[in-house]
Amino acid sequence: MRAPRVALCALLAVLLLAEAEVRVEAAVTCRPIELSSCVSAITSATPPSTLCCSKIKEQRPCLCQYLRNPNLKKFVNSPNARKVASTCGTPFPKC
């Protein structure tokens, strides 16, 4: 009876790890539209919202990718974008 319990626990542990891995991958999906809540803070120098700050933190691993995109570079690399990131406590990456 003990062997089936151990096997069941091992299976549950594997499933939980697999689910956690999927969540991590989903958290770093690079989608520039996720930063739309920051547009007003970047373009008009208004203070960033809580949502903006959470999205910048979430999308931080993607910023270098965005900087390589000519259509996004001027938006992401602007002085105001760097100021918003700083205000949100998110260090701007060195790409």
Protein backbone atom coordinates (compact mmCIF):
# COMPACT_ATOMS: atom_id res chain seq x y z
CA MET A 1 0.00 0.00 0.00
CA ARG A 2 2.94 2.36 0.67
CA ALA A 3 4.35 2.15 -2.89
CA PRO A 4 1.18 3.51 -4.57
CA ARG A 5 1.15 6.47 -2.16
CA VAL A 6 4.76 7.31 -2.92
CA ALA A 7 4.07 7.07 -6.66
CA LEU A 8 1.02 9.28 -6.31
CA CYS A 9 2.97 11.89 -4.33
CA ALA A 10 5.75 11.84 -6.93
CA LEU A 11 3.22 12.29 -9.73
CA LEU A 12 1.57 15.21 -7.93
CA ALA A 13 4.96 16.85 -7.38
CA VAL A 14 5.80 16.54 -11.08
CA LEU A 15 2.44 17.99 -12.08
CA LEU A 16 2.83 20.92 -9.69
CA LEU A 17 6.32 21.67 -11.04
CA ALA A 18 5.06 21.50 -14.62
CA GLU A 19 2.22 23.89 -13.78
CA ALA A 20 4.64 26.31 -12.11
CA GLU A 21 6.88 26.24 -15.18
CA VAL A 22 3.94 27.09 -17.44
CA ARG A 23 3.04 30.04 -15.19
CA VAL A 24 6.60 31.40 -15.35
CA GLU A 25 6.61 31.19 -19.14
CA ALA A 26 3.25 32.91 -19.33
CA ALA A 27 4.47 35.71 -17.06
CA VAL A 28 7.23 36.72 -19.48
CA THR A 29 5.28 36.65 -22.72
CA CYS A 30 6.51 39.73 -24.57
CA ARG A 31 3.56 41.78 -25.76
CA PRO A 32 4.16 45.52 -26.15
CA ILE A 33 0.42 46.17 -25.82
CA GLU A 34 0.82 45.26 -22.14
CA LEU A 35 2.53 48.63 -21.69
CA SER A 36 -0.44 50.61 -23.00
CA SER A 37 -1.31 51.68 -19.45
CA CYS A 38 2.00 53.60 -19.44
CA VAL A 39 1.39 55.66 -22.59
CA SER A 40 0.14 58.77 -20.80
CA ALA A 41 2.96 58.62 -18.24
CA ILE A 42 5.56 58.33 -20.99
CA THR A 43 4.11 60.83 -23.46
CA SER A 44 2.91 63.56 -21.10
CA ALA A 45 5.12 63.02 -18.06
CA THR A 46 2.18 62.35 -15.73
CA PRO A 47 2.93 60.04 -12.79
CA PRO A 48 2.65 56.34 -13.69
CA SER A 49 -0.31 54.42 -12.39
CA THR A 50 -0.02 51.33 -10.23
CA LEU A 51 -1.09 49.26 -13.25
CA CYS A 52 1.62 50.87 -15.38
CA CYS A 53 4.28 50.04 -12.79
CA SER A 54 3.15 46.44 -12.49
CA LYS A 55 3.20 46.06 -16.28
CA ILE A 56 6.69 47.56 -16.55
CA LYS A 57 7.94 45.11 -13.92
CA GLU A 58 6.22 42.26 -15.72
CA GLN A 59 7.55 43.25 -19.15
CA ARG A 60 11.09 44.19 -18.00
CA PRO A 61 12.63 41.01 -19.47
CA CYS A 62 11.20 42.09 -22.84
CA LEU A 63 12.55 45.65 -22.92
CA CYS A 64 15.75 44.74 -24.80
CA GLN A 65 13.64 42.99 -27.42
CA TYR A 66 11.45 46.10 -27.71
CA LEU A 67 14.55 48.30 -28.07
CA ARG A 68 15.64 46.25 -31.08
CA ASN A 69 12.32 46.96 -32.80
CA PRO A 70 12.57 50.25 -34.76
CA ASN A 71 8.85 50.96 -34.23
CA LEU A 72 9.08 50.58 -30.46
CA LYS A 73 12.60 51.86 -29.78
CA LYS A 74 11.72 55.58 -29.75
CA PHE A 75 8.89 54.91 -27.31
CA VAL A 76 10.77 52.55 -24.97
CA ASN A 77 14.09 54.42 -25.07
CA SER A 78 12.70 57.90 -24.43
CA PRO A 79 13.84 59.86 -21.37
CA ASN A 80 10.29 59.77 -20.02
CA ALA A 81 10.12 55.97 -20.37
CA ARG A 82 13.33 55.68 -18.37
CA LYS A 83 11.91 58.09 -15.78
CA VAL A 84 8.70 56.07 -15.52
CA ALA A 85 10.68 52.86 -15.05
CA SER A 86 12.78 54.54 -12.36
CA THR A 87 9.68 55.93 -10.63
CA CYS A 88 8.23 52.41 -10.63
CA GLY A 89 11.40 51.03 -9.05
CA THR A 90 12.29 48.99 -12.12
CA PRO A 91 15.90 49.31 -13.26
CA PHE A 92 16.19 49.90 -16.99
CA PRO A 93 18.10 47.00 -18.57
CA LYS A 94 21.49 47.37 -20.20
CA CYS A 95 21.11 45.73 -23.58
